[in-house]
Amino acid sequence: MRFFFLFLLTLTFLNCDRLIRTPKNERCICTEEYNPVCVEARGNQIQYDNSCKAHCAGFTEDDFAPCTP
């Protein structure tokens, strides 16, 4: 059981960079409204369902870019 707990703890720390980044670690509450916005990150375009979700991921309106199909 101890090994399993340590294994889960290790996985949690290894995956921290995949968690949603929020400014100052604040909690974000967004609606499920679908009004897509895109951001440019590391040369790739990422699409979010709405601007709130993009803000919660740590992006600002300066990062927004036109969505390309």
C-alpha atoms as a PDB file:
ATOM      1  CA  MET A   1       0.000   0.000   0.000  1.00  0.00           C
ATOM      2  CA  ARG A   2       2.850   2.383   0.801  1.00  0.00           C
ATOM      3  CA  PHE A   3       4.379   1.768  -2.624  1.00  0.00           C
ATOM      4  CA  PHE A   4       1.078   2.552  -4.326  1.00  0.00           C
ATOM      5  CA  PHE A   5       0.756   5.836  -2.423  1.00  0.00           C
ATOM      6  CA  LEU A   6       4.306   6.852  -3.352  1.00  0.00           C
ATOM      7  CA  PHE A   7       3.636   5.917  -6.957  1.00  0.00           C
ATOM      8  CA  LEU A   8       0.532   8.135  -7.102  1.00  0.00           C
ATOM      9  CA  LEU A   9       2.362  10.974  -5.411  1.00  0.00           C
ATOM     10  CA  THR A  10       5.175  10.726  -7.953  1.00  0.00           C
ATOM     11  CA  LEU A  11       2.732  10.760 -10.861  1.00  0.00           C
ATOM     12  CA  THR A  12       1.073  13.849  -9.448  1.00  0.00           C
ATOM     13  CA  PHE A  13       4.343  15.760  -9.288  1.00  0.00           C
ATOM     14  CA  LEU A  14       5.419  14.618 -12.747  1.00  0.00           C
ATOM     15  CA  ASN A  15       2.145  15.801 -14.279  1.00  0.00           C
ATOM     16  CA  CYS A  16       2.034  19.208 -12.598  1.00  0.00           C
ATOM     17  CA  ASP A  17       3.023  20.945 -15.816  1.00  0.00           C
ATOM     18  CA  ARG A  18      -0.052  19.499 -17.491  1.00  0.00           C
ATOM     19  CA  LEU A  19      -2.446  21.035 -15.002  1.00  0.00           C
ATOM     20  CA  ILE A  20      -4.331  24.165 -15.938  1.00  0.00           C
ATOM     21  CA  ARG A  21      -2.196  27.198 -15.232  1.00  0.00           C
ATOM     22  CA  THR A  22      -4.113  29.978 -13.545  1.00  0.00           C
ATOM     23  CA  PRO A  23      -2.870  33.396 -12.540  1.00  0.00           C
ATOM     24  CA  LYS A  24      -1.778  33.272  -8.902  1.00  0.00           C
ATOM     25  CA  ASN A  25      -3.259  29.774  -8.673  1.00  0.00           C
ATOM     26  CA  GLU A  26      -6.790  31.191  -8.476  1.00  0.00           C
ATOM     27  CA  ARG A  27      -9.771  28.973  -9.085  1.00  0.00           C
ATOM     28  CA  CYS A  28     -11.554  29.608 -12.350  1.00  0.00           C
ATOM     29  CA  ILE A  29     -15.225  29.109 -12.892  1.00  0.00           C
ATOM     30  CA  CYS A  30     -16.317  29.342 -16.514  1.00  0.00           C
ATOM     31  CA  THR A  31     -19.579  28.742 -18.311  1.00  0.00           C
ATOM     32  CA  GLU A  32     -19.895  26.057 -20.963  1.00  0.00           C
ATOM     33  CA  GLU A  33     -20.705  28.715 -23.576  1.00  0.00           C
ATOM     34  CA  TYR A  34     -19.146  27.797 -26.898  1.00  0.00           C
ATOM     35  CA  ASN A  35     -17.547  30.914 -28.350  1.00  0.00           C
ATOM     36  CA  PRO A  36     -14.127  29.640 -29.477  1.00  0.00           C
ATOM     37  CA  VAL A  37     -10.942  31.643 -29.097  1.00  0.00           C
ATOM     38  CA  CYS A  38      -7.464  30.679 -30.229  1.00  0.00           C
ATOM     39  CA  VAL A  39      -4.064  31.470 -28.765  1.00  0.00           C
ATOM     40  CA  GLU A  40      -0.572  31.091 -30.126  1.00  0.00           C
ATOM     41  CA  ALA A  41       1.705  29.097 -27.833  1.00  0.00           C
ATOM     42  CA  ARG A  42       5.139  27.749 -28.730  1.00  0.00           C
ATOM     43  CA  GLY A  43       4.376  28.121 -32.430  1.00  0.00           C
ATOM     44  CA  ASN A  44       1.161  26.109 -32.167  1.00  0.00           C
ATOM     45  CA  GLN A  45      -2.403  27.303 -32.140  1.00  0.00           C
ATOM     46  CA  ILE A  46      -4.585  26.147 -29.258  1.00  0.00           C
ATOM     47  CA  GLN A  47      -8.348  26.527 -29.358  1.00  0.00           C
ATOM     48  CA  TYR A  48     -10.407  27.037 -26.193  1.00  0.00           C
ATOM     49  CA  ASP A  49     -14.187  26.846 -25.975  1.00  0.00           C
ATOM     50  CA  ASN A  50     -14.373  30.444 -24.724  1.00  0.00           C
ATOM     51  CA  SER A  51     -12.181  33.286 -23.521  1.00  0.00           C
ATOM     52  CA  CYS A  52     -12.740  32.437 -19.844  1.00  0.00           C
ATOM     53  CA  LYS A  53     -11.157  29.028 -20.327  1.00  0.00           C
ATOM     54  CA  ALA A  54      -8.213  30.613 -22.158  1.00  0.00           C
ATOM     55  CA  HIS A  55      -7.750  33.093 -19.308  1.00  0.00           C
ATOM     56  CA  CYS A  56      -7.848  30.235 -16.797  1.00  0.00           C
ATOM     57  CA  ALA A  57      -5.077  28.532 -18.740  1.00  0.00           C
ATOM     58  CA  GLY A  58      -2.938  31.614 -18.145  1.00  0.00           C
ATOM     59  CA  PHE A  59      -3.381  33.442 -21.449  1.00  0.00           C
ATOM     60  CA  THR A  60      -4.325  37.089 -21.912  1.00  0.00           C
ATOM     61  CA  GLU A  61      -6.200  38.804 -24.710  1.00  0.00           C
ATOM     62  CA  ASP A  62      -2.813  39.819 -26.136  1.00  0.00           C
ATOM     63  CA  ASP A  63      -2.208  36.091 -26.802  1.00  0.00           C
ATOM     64  CA  PHE A  64      -5.464  35.653 -28.742  1.00  0.00           C
ATOM     65  CA  ALA A  65      -5.160  35.048 -32.479  1.00  0.00           C
ATOM     66  CA  PRO A  66      -7.655  34.429 -35.269  1.00  0.00           C
ATOM     67  CA  CYS A  67      -8.652  30.766 -35.386  1.00  0.00           C
ATOM     68  CA  THR A  68      -7.618  28.997 -38.556  1.00  0.00           C
ATOM     69  CA  PRO A  69      -9.397  25.852 -39.728  1.00  0.00           C
END
